Amino acid sequence: MTPQDLYASKRTTAAEAVAEIASGSRVAMGMALAEPPGLLTALAARAEAEDVDEVRLYYFHSTPHAAATVLRYDLLDRIRPHCFFLGPVERALLAQGEKDGRQTVWFVPGAFSQAPRLMCEPAPIDTFMTCVSPMDAHGFFSLGPSNDYGRSLVKSARRVVVEVNRHTPRVRGGMIHVSEVDAIVEQDTPLFENPTRDAAPQDAVIARLVAELVEDGACLQMGIGALPEAVCGALSGHRDLGIHTELFAPGLMKLMQCGAVTNARKATNTGRAIFTFALGDKPLYDFIDDNAAVESRPVDYVNDPAVIARNDRVVSVNATLQIDLSGACNSEHMAGRQYSAAGGQLDFVRGAYGSRGGKSIIACHSTAKDGAVSRIVSRLDGPVTTPRNDVQWVITEHGRRDLKGLSIQDRARAMIALADPKFRDGLSAEARAAGLI
């Protein structure tokens, strides 16, 4: 059969595609922009009709498409979210469930680099559903902006259903053949666009302090949000930068467009910006569409510290919620509750420091809640996401300090100096009580 014949034989409706999902199944959906709205709507309809029950849904990072369908609060008795990364959708469900005294989200801890194994090894996924770009003449779909764990689940899931969306960009590196899928649904829904918060005054200061540490020819990893965007803006005058990043966001695109990024000095994937998933706005999605200068790779490649370290002068920039006086970071727990997840922070912290000439940077505002709470604390309120042994540079709007090689006493003094002035006396008193200074 030709690829076109195979496509026609597997084409079906969303309702027919999800009809084969049995109660008690392990189902996975693509993350972020790979969430298939048509299939999720059809599965939600089955749950609403009480036609399916005890479906365990595995995923990282949901968007409003999932919130309006399979993650509806009224359906959580039948669809049980097993989430590896909490976002606004899950936090709202958890808050409502706490009020009502019910379990709503099953959080699964784990590093993003381990996602393929975490999903595939305990037991095979019964059905994997994901968005793809339209098929080419040779029978290949692209996983588009979300390679991450998609390729692994295409190989290991008992059944693979793809939703073809003409809005999904065709990104090099994440290809699957029509022969590898079991059912094809067509649904054209515009991709979710992630809003970026306006930059705060502290962001410009922190961005300058970060940019001063970045050499020409460095290889970048950035997160998402106002601060990483500000850092990218401060790097526009640099030359021959490279990109090897978990997330490809608008700031990195702009560095490529202005010529600051060439990827010419990278030891791996020379000439190409490498990422595992992209999230941003339509200009970003248009930019990565069939662009030979960008390529997606699976997360167990992109986030592997050994792979990261193969490039020289890797600069990793990550945020955190809290840092204690020894340098340990809690980047996932807030107000006594799980807030997000570890993601790939530790992967890149270790990969960047292992790189020749590399720098691992934790950058954040010194306070939260409009200055009412210090992010620098004597004791963390949650789990250690990045151990003190791994933290290198810490930057706030009050300065920067390389913690590597410093004693606990010197670290405490350095962290107090990076705190907001109104909290320094209290932190000093707590440090003395703990015998740190």
Protein backbone atom coordinates (compact mmCIF):
# COMPACT_ATOMS: atom_id res chain seq x y z
CA MET A 1 0.00 0.00 0.00
CA THR A 2 1.13 3.55 -0.64
CA PRO A 3 1.38 5.98 2.29
CA GLN A 4 -1.75 7.64 0.98
CA ASP A 5 -3.60 4.31 0.94
CA LEU A 6 -2.49 3.60 4.51
CA TYR A 7 -3.66 7.05 5.58
CA ALA A 8 -7.08 6.52 4.04
CA SER A 9 -7.45 3.09 5.65
CA LYS A 10 -6.68 4.46 9.12
CA ARG A 11 -8.66 7.68 8.92
CA THR A 12 -11.59 7.76 11.33
CA THR A 13 -13.59 10.09 13.56
CA ALA A 14 -12.55 11.17 17.02
CA ALA A 15 -15.55 9.35 18.54
CA GLU A 16 -14.63 6.10 16.79
CA ALA A 17 -10.96 6.47 17.74
CA VAL A 18 -11.66 6.79 21.48
CA ALA A 19 -14.39 4.14 21.46
CA GLU A 20 -11.68 1.49 21.85
CA ILE A 21 -10.41 2.97 25.12
CA ALA A 22 -11.60 0.57 27.80
CA SER A 23 -12.32 1.30 31.44
CA GLY A 24 -9.19 0.88 33.52
CA SER A 25 -6.91 1.78 30.61
CA ARG A 26 -3.59 3.58 30.89
CA VAL A 27 -3.86 6.48 28.44
CA ALA A 28 -1.22 9.11 27.66
CA MET A 29 -1.64 12.39 25.82
CA GLY A 30 0.96 14.57 24.18
CA MET A 31 2.04 17.50 26.31
CA ALA A 32 1.36 21.19 25.79
CA LEU A 33 0.87 21.89 22.07
CA ALA A 34 0.64 18.16 21.34
CA GLU A 35 -2.64 17.80 23.25
CA PRO A 36 -5.22 16.63 20.65
CA PRO A 37 -8.39 18.73 21.23
CA GLY A 38 -10.69 16.59 19.08
CA LEU A 39 -9.71 13.33 20.74
CA LEU A 40 -9.83 14.85 24.22
CA THR A 41 -13.32 16.22 23.54
CA ALA A 42 -14.49 12.79 22.40
CA LEU A 43 -12.99 11.04 25.44
CA ALA A 44 -14.59 13.61 27.76
CA ALA A 45 -17.94 12.95 26.09
CA ARG A 46 -17.61 9.24 26.82
CA ALA A 47 -16.79 9.96 30.45
CA GLU A 48 -19.73 12.36 30.72
CA ALA A 49 -22.02 9.66 29.31
CA GLU A 50 -20.62 7.23 31.92
CA ASP A 51 -19.42 5.04 29.08
CA VAL A 52 -15.88 4.72 30.47
CA ASP A 53 -14.43 4.65 33.97
CA GLU A 54 -11.12 4.46 35.87
CA VAL A 55 -9.07 5.82 32.95
CA ARG A 56 -5.60 6.79 34.15
CA LEU A 57 -4.39 9.73 32.06
CA TYR A 58 -0.62 10.35 32.01
CA TYR A 59 0.95 13.60 30.82
CA PHE A 60 3.26 16.54 31.44
CA HIS A 61 2.11 20.18 31.26
CA SER A 62 -1.53 20.66 30.28
CA THR A 63 -3.16 23.60 28.45
CA PRO A 64 -6.71 25.02 28.35
CA HIS A 65 -7.70 22.38 25.75
CA ALA A 66 -7.32 19.66 28.36
CA ALA A 67 -8.85 21.83 31.08
CA ALA A 68 -12.05 22.17 29.05
CA THR A 69 -12.30 18.44 28.31
CA VAL A 70 -10.62 15.54 30.10
CA LEU A 71 -9.53 17.64 33.09
CA ARG A 72 -12.98 18.95 33.89
CA TYR A 73 -13.64 18.75 37.61
CA ASP A 74 -16.93 16.90 37.14
CA LEU A 75 -15.22 14.10 35.19
CA LEU A 76 -12.44 13.28 37.63
CA ASP A 77 -14.28 10.30 39.08
CA ARG A 78 -13.90 8.60 35.69
CA ILE A 79 -10.70 10.15 34.32
CA ARG A 80 -7.84 10.23 36.81
CA PRO A 81 -5.06 12.68 35.89
CA HIS A 82 -1.59 11.27 36.58
CA CYS A 83 0.44 14.42 36.10
CA PHE A 84 4.23 14.79 36.12
CA PHE A 85 4.21 18.61 36.10
CA LEU A 86 1.59 20.74 37.85
CA GLY A 87 0.44 23.92 36.17
CA PRO A 88 -2.45 26.35 36.63
CA VAL A 89 -5.02 23.74 35.56
CA GLU A 90 -3.89 21.17 38.12
CA ARG A 91 -3.48 23.74 40.90
CA ALA A 92 -7.07 24.84 40.40
CA LEU A 93 -8.29 21.22 40.51
CA LEU A 94 -6.29 20.52 43.65
CA ALA A 95 -7.62 23.64 45.37
CA GLN A 96 -11.22 22.74 44.55
CA GLY A 97 -10.67 19.14 45.60
CA GLU A 98 -9.22 20.24 48.92
CA LYS A 99 -12.36 22.29 49.59
CA ASP A 100 -14.56 19.31 48.74
CA GLY A 101 -12.44 16.69 50.47
CA ARG A 102 -11.71 14.66 47.34
CA GLN A 103 -8.67 13.52 45.41
CA THR A 104 -8.42 15.23 42.04
CA VAL A 105 -4.85 14.96 40.70
CA TRP A 106 -2.33 12.16 41.17
CA PHE A 107 1.07 13.87 41.04
CA VAL A 108 3.95 11.68 39.84
CA PRO A 109 7.45 12.95 40.82
CA GLY A 110 10.27 12.52 38.34
CA ALA A 111 12.86 14.32 36.26
CA PHE A 112 11.75 15.35 32.78
CA SER A 113 14.71 13.48 31.28
CA GLN A 114 13.21 10.26 32.65
CA ALA A 115 9.76 10.83 31.13
CA PRO A 116 9.97 8.08 28.48
CA ARG A 117 10.97 5.46 31.06
CA LEU A 118 8.49 6.71 33.66
CA MET A 119 5.64 6.27 31.19
CA CYS A 120 6.77 3.11 29.44
CA GLU A 121 8.37 0.85 32.03
CA PRO A 122 5.83 0.36 34.87
CA ALA A 123 3.32 -1.01 32.34
CA PRO A 124 2.76 -0.26 28.66
CA ILE A 125 0.51 2.65 27.81
CA ASP A 126 -2.66 1.25 26.24
CA THR A 127 -3.44 4.28 24.05
CA PHE A 128 -1.24 7.24 23.20
CA MET A 129 -2.97 10.28 21.67
CA THR A 130 -1.07 13.19 20.20
CA CYS A 131 -1.22 15.98 17.62
CA VAL A 132 0.89 15.83 14.48
CA SER A 133 1.48 17.94 11.39
CA PRO A 134 -0.06 16.89 8.05
CA MET A 135 1.57 13.88 6.38
CA ASP A 136 4.16 14.46 3.65
CA ALA A 137 4.32 12.62 0.34
CA HIS A 138 6.53 9.93 1.87
CA GLY A 139 4.14 9.08 4.70
CA PHE A 140 5.78 11.00 7.55
CA PHE A 141 4.06 13.13 10.16
CA SER A 142 5.96 15.53 12.40
CA LEU A 143 5.47 15.56 16.16
CA GLY A 144 5.72 19.32 15.74
CA PRO A 145 6.61 21.43 18.79
CA SER A 146 6.47 18.49 21.23
CA ASN A 147 8.97 15.73 20.63
CA ASP A 148 9.70 15.13 24.38
CA TYR A 149 8.26 11.67 25.22
CA GLY A 150 6.15 11.32 22.06
CA ARG A 151 8.59 9.27 19.99
CA SER A 152 9.10 6.77 22.83
CA LEU A 153 5.36 6.26 23.27
CA VAL A 154 4.85 5.80 19.54
CA LYS A 155 7.27 2.87 19.81
CA SER A 156 5.98 1.37 23.05
CA ALA A 157 2.23 2.07 23.36
CA ARG A 158 -0.16 -0.72 22.43
CA ARG A 159 -2.17 1.71 20.30
CA VAL A 160 -1.26 5.09 18.77
CA VAL A 161 -3.88 7.61 17.64
CA VAL A 162 -2.80 10.84 15.96
CA GLU A 163 -4.79 13.99 15.39
CA VAL A 164 -3.66 15.77 12.21
CA ASN A 165 -3.81 19.53 12.64
CA ARG A 166 -2.80 21.85 9.81
CA HIS A 167 -1.77 24.46 12.40
CA THR A 168 0.90 22.13 13.84
CA PRO A 169 4.30 23.19 12.48
CA ARG A 170 6.45 20.63 10.74
CA VAL A 171 9.60 20.46 12.87
CA ARG A 172 12.62 18.49 11.81
CA GLY A 173 13.77 15.66 14.05
CA GLY A 174 10.48 14.29 15.37
CA MET A 175 9.09 12.22 12.52
CA ILE A 176 6.74 9.22 12.68
CA HIS A 177 5.54 7.16 9.74
CA VAL A 178 1.92 6.43 8.92
CA SER A 179 2.68 2.71 9.31
CA GLU A 180 3.43 3.34 13.03
CA VAL A 181 -0.03 4.66 13.90
CA ASP A 182 -3.29 2.80 14.37
CA ALA A 183 -5.85 5.54 13.79
CA ILE A 184 -5.88 9.02 12.24
CA VAL A 185 -8.25 11.85 13.08
CA GLU A 186 -8.34 15.22 11.36
CA GLN A 187 -9.09 18.31 13.45
CA ASP A 188 -7.87 21.86 12.80
CA THR A 189 -7.69 23.82 16.04
CA PRO A 190 -5.43 26.88 16.43
CA LEU A 191 -2.53 26.18 18.76
CA PHE A 192 -2.55 27.47 22.32
CA GLU A 193 -0.52 30.67 22.68
CA ASN A 194 1.22 31.14 26.00
CA PRO A 195 1.02 34.70 27.38
CA THR A 196 4.21 36.23 28.73
CA ARG A 197 4.04 38.38 31.84
CA ASP A 198 5.33 41.92 31.66
CA ALA A 199 8.88 42.30 32.90
CA ALA A 200 9.37 43.62 36.43
CA PRO A 201 12.08 46.21 37.22
CA GLN A 202 14.16 43.45 38.86
CA ASP A 203 14.19 41.47 35.62
CA ALA A 204 16.31 44.02 33.77
CA VAL A 205 18.88 44.07 36.59
CA ILE A 206 19.07 40.28 36.80
CA ALA A 207 19.23 39.98 33.01
CA ARG A 208 22.25 42.28 32.89
CA LEU A 209 24.00 40.31 35.63
CA VAL A 210 23.36 37.06 33.73
CA ALA A 211 24.41 38.47 30.36
CA GLU A 212 27.75 39.59 31.76
CA LEU A 213 28.58 35.95 32.51
CA VAL A 214 27.80 34.76 28.97
CA GLU A 215 30.71 34.64 26.55
CA ASP A 216 30.45 34.80 22.78
CA GLY A 217 30.12 31.23 21.52
CA ALA A 218 28.27 30.04 24.63
CA CYS A 219 25.48 27.45 24.32
CA LEU A 220 22.20 28.47 25.98
CA GLN A 221 19.42 26.82 27.95
CA MET A 222 16.55 29.08 29.01
CA GLY A 223 13.22 28.63 30.71
CA ILE A 224 9.99 30.46 30.04
CA GLY A 225 8.61 33.71 31.42
CA ALA A 226 9.45 37.39 31.75
CA LEU A 227 12.91 36.88 33.27
CA PRO A 228 14.26 34.48 30.60
CA GLU A 229 12.85 36.78 27.92
CA ALA A 230 14.69 39.70 29.53
CA VAL A 231 17.91 37.67 29.62
CA CYS A 232 17.56 36.87 25.93
CA GLY A 233 17.00 40.55 25.22
CA ALA A 234 20.23 41.40 27.06
CA LEU A 235 22.15 38.92 24.88
CA SER A 236 21.23 40.44 21.51
CA GLY A 237 24.70 41.94 21.12
CA HIS A 238 26.50 38.63 21.61
CA ARG A 239 27.91 36.58 18.75
CA ASP A 240 27.95 32.92 17.70
CA LEU A 241 25.72 31.74 20.52
CA GLY A 242 24.25 28.25 20.37
CA ILE A 243 21.02 26.70 21.68
CA HIS A 244 20.56 23.34 23.38
CA THR A 245 17.48 23.76 25.52
CA GLU A 246 14.56 21.85 26.96
CA LEU A 247 12.14 24.63 25.98
CA PHE A 248 12.27 26.79 22.86
CA ALA A 249 10.53 30.09 23.62
CA PRO A 250 10.15 33.46 21.83
CA GLY A 251 13.29 35.01 23.38
CA LEU A 252 15.51 32.34 21.82
CA MET A 253 13.78 32.76 18.47
CA LYS A 254 14.56 36.49 18.58
CA LEU A 255 18.23 35.75 19.26
CA MET A 256 18.30 33.62 16.12
CA GLN A 257 16.52 36.29 14.10
CA CYS A 258 18.92 39.06 15.13
CA GLY A 259 21.97 36.93 14.34
CA ALA A 260 23.26 36.51 17.90
CA VAL A 261 22.66 32.75 17.63
CA THR A 262 24.39 30.89 14.81
CA ASN A 263 24.98 27.49 16.49
CA ALA A 264 28.28 27.46 14.61
CA ARG A 265 30.48 26.69 17.60
CA LYS A 266 28.47 23.80 19.00
CA ALA A 267 30.17 20.42 19.25
CA THR A 268 26.88 18.55 18.86
CA ASN A 269 24.17 19.27 16.30
CA THR A 270 26.35 22.01 14.83
CA GLY A 271 24.38 24.65 12.97
CA ARG A 272 21.05 23.74 14.59
CA ALA A 273 19.16 24.91 17.66
CA ILE A 274 18.07 21.83 19.61
CA PHE A 275 14.99 21.63 21.85
CA THR A 276 12.53 19.02 23.08
CA PHE A 277 9.37 21.17 23.15
CA ALA A 278 8.37 24.66 22.10
CA LEU A 279 5.80 27.00 23.60
CA GLY A 280 5.02 30.60 22.77
CA ASP A 281 2.97 32.43 20.16
CA LYS A 282 2.08 32.13 16.48
CA PRO A 283 5.24 33.93 15.26
CA LEU A 284 7.26 31.27 17.12
CA TYR A 285 5.23 28.43 15.59
CA ASP A 286 5.67 29.95 12.12
CA PHE A 287 9.41 30.30 12.75
CA ILE A 288 10.02 26.65 13.62
CA ASP A 289 7.85 25.37 10.74
CA ASP A 290 10.13 23.56 8.25
CA ASN A 291 13.12 25.57 9.50
CA ALA A 292 16.39 23.75 8.86
CA ALA A 293 18.09 25.77 11.62
CA VAL A 294 15.97 24.18 14.39
CA GLU A 295 15.44 20.57 15.35
CA SER A 296 13.53 18.76 18.06
CA ARG A 297 14.90 15.72 19.87
CA PRO A 298 13.46 13.38 22.53
CA VAL A 299 13.78 14.62 26.09
CA ASP A 300 16.00 11.72 27.17
CA TYR A 301 18.55 13.08 24.66
CA VAL A 302 18.10 16.82 25.13
CA ASN A 303 18.06 16.68 28.94
CA ASP A 304 20.76 14.07 29.39
CA PRO A 305 23.51 15.82 31.42
CA ALA A 306 26.19 13.89 29.53
CA VAL A 307 24.82 15.12 26.19
CA ILE A 308 24.47 18.69 27.48
CA ALA A 309 28.09 18.68 28.67
CA ARG A 310 29.47 17.75 25.24
CA ASN A 311 29.12 21.38 24.19
CA ASP A 312 31.58 23.90 25.58
CA ARG A 313 30.53 26.98 27.58
CA VAL A 314 26.97 25.82 28.24
CA VAL A 315 25.04 28.46 30.21
CA SER A 316 21.94 27.17 31.95
CA VAL A 317 19.50 29.73 33.40
CA ASN A 318 16.77 28.44 35.71
CA ALA A 319 14.44 29.94 38.30
CA THR A 320 13.49 28.74 41.76
CA LEU A 321 10.91 29.42 44.45
CA GLN A 322 13.27 29.29 47.45
CA ILE A 323 16.99 29.04 48.19
CA ASP A 324 18.32 28.26 51.63
CA LEU A 325 21.48 29.72 53.15
CA SER A 326 23.57 26.77 51.96
CA GLY A 327 22.39 27.15 48.35
CA ALA A 328 19.86 24.30 48.15
CA CYS A 329 16.84 25.10 45.94
CA ASN A 330 13.16 24.29 46.29
CA SER A 331 11.74 24.93 42.83
CA GLU A 332 8.47 23.02 43.06
CA HIS A 333 6.77 23.41 46.46
CA MET A 334 4.92 26.47 47.80
CA ALA A 335 2.75 27.20 50.85
CA GLY A 336 2.85 23.58 51.94
CA ARG A 337 1.64 22.25 48.59
CA GLN A 338 3.15 20.85 45.42
CA TYR A 339 3.20 23.84 43.03
CA SER A 340 4.93 22.60 39.87
CA ALA A 341 7.61 19.89 39.55
CA ALA A 342 11.33 19.31 39.21
CA GLY A 343 11.13 19.35 35.41
CA GLY A 344 14.58 19.41 33.84
CA GLN A 345 16.24 21.86 36.23
CA LEU A 346 18.71 19.46 37.82
CA ASP A 347 19.50 17.88 34.44
CA PHE A 348 20.70 21.22 33.08
CA VAL A 349 22.34 22.37 36.31
CA ARG A 350 24.54 19.29 36.18
CA GLY A 351 25.01 19.32 32.41
CA ALA A 352 26.05 22.98 32.32
CA TYR A 353 28.55 22.63 35.16
CA GLY A 354 29.96 19.51 33.50
CA SER A 355 30.55 21.46 30.31
CA ARG A 356 34.04 22.85 29.71
CA GLY A 357 33.77 26.51 30.68
CA GLY A 358 30.08 26.05 31.50
CA LYS A 359 28.04 28.01 34.01
CA SER A 360 24.91 26.91 35.83
CA ILE A 361 22.81 29.87 36.99
CA ILE A 362 19.85 30.01 39.37
CA ALA A 363 18.24 33.42 38.86
CA CYS A 364 15.23 34.79 40.71
CA HIS A 365 13.79 37.82 42.43
CA SER A 366 14.90 38.04 46.05
CA THR A 367 11.28 38.32 47.24
CA ALA A 368 7.78 37.10 46.38
CA LYS A 369 4.25 38.37 47.06
CA ASP A 370 5.12 42.00 46.27
CA GLY A 371 8.11 41.96 48.58
CA ALA A 372 6.33 40.43 51.57
CA VAL A 373 8.18 37.10 51.50
CA SER A 374 11.89 36.39 51.12
CA ARG A 375 12.86 33.73 48.60
CA ILE A 376 16.12 33.32 50.49
CA VAL A 377 15.37 31.40 53.69
CA SER A 378 17.18 29.63 56.49
CA ARG A 379 15.19 26.44 55.89
CA LEU A 380 13.30 25.29 52.78
CA ASP A 381 9.53 24.78 53.01
CA GLY A 382 9.54 21.90 50.53
CA PRO A 383 11.69 19.25 48.89
CA VAL A 384 15.18 19.92 47.56
CA THR A 385 14.88 20.19 43.78
CA THR A 386 18.52 21.12 43.20
CA PRO A 387 20.96 20.11 45.96
CA ARG A 388 23.44 22.59 47.37
CA ASN A 389 26.26 20.40 46.04
CA ASP A 390 25.12 21.19 42.49
CA VAL A 391 24.25 24.89 42.69
CA GLN A 392 26.85 27.19 41.16
CA TRP A 393 25.86 30.79 40.39
CA VAL A 394 22.96 32.43 42.26
CA ILE A 395 21.70 35.78 40.97
CA THR A 396 19.09 38.14 42.38
CA GLU A 397 18.53 41.84 41.75
CA HIS A 398 21.00 42.45 44.62
CA GLY A 399 23.95 40.77 42.97
CA ARG A 400 25.47 37.43 42.01
CA ARG A 401 27.75 34.89 43.64
CA ASP A 402 29.43 31.67 42.60
CA LEU A 403 28.85 29.25 45.49
CA LYS A 404 31.17 26.52 44.22
CA GLY A 405 34.07 25.96 46.58
CA LEU A 406 32.63 28.11 49.36
CA SER A 407 32.28 26.86 52.92
CA ILE A 408 28.84 26.66 54.49
CA GLN A 409 29.70 29.78 56.48
CA ASP A 410 30.75 31.74 53.39
CA ARG A 411 27.69 30.49 51.52
CA ALA A 412 25.41 31.76 54.28
CA ARG A 413 27.03 35.20 54.17
CA ALA A 414 26.78 35.26 50.36
CA MET A 415 23.12 34.31 50.35
CA ILE A 416 22.27 36.91 53.00
CA ALA A 417 23.93 39.55 50.82
CA LEU A 418 21.73 38.47 47.88
CA ALA A 419 18.55 38.79 49.96
CA ASP A 420 16.37 41.86 50.13
CA PRO A 421 17.87 44.28 52.69
CA LYS A 422 14.78 44.20 54.91
CA PHE A 423 15.23 40.45 55.48
CA ARG A 424 18.99 40.41 56.06
CA ASP A 425 18.96 41.04 59.81
CA GLY A 426 16.45 38.24 60.37
CA LEU A 427 18.40 35.84 58.17
CA SER A 428 21.62 36.75 59.98
CA ALA A 429 20.00 36.00 63.33
CA GLU A 430 18.74 32.64 62.08
CA ALA A 431 22.17 31.84 60.63
CA ARG A 432 23.85 32.60 63.98
CA ALA A 433 21.31 30.46 65.82
CA ALA A 434 22.10 27.58 63.47
CA GLY A 435 25.83 28.05 63.92
CA LEU A 436 26.36 29.08 60.29
CA ILE A 437 28.00 32.44 61.01
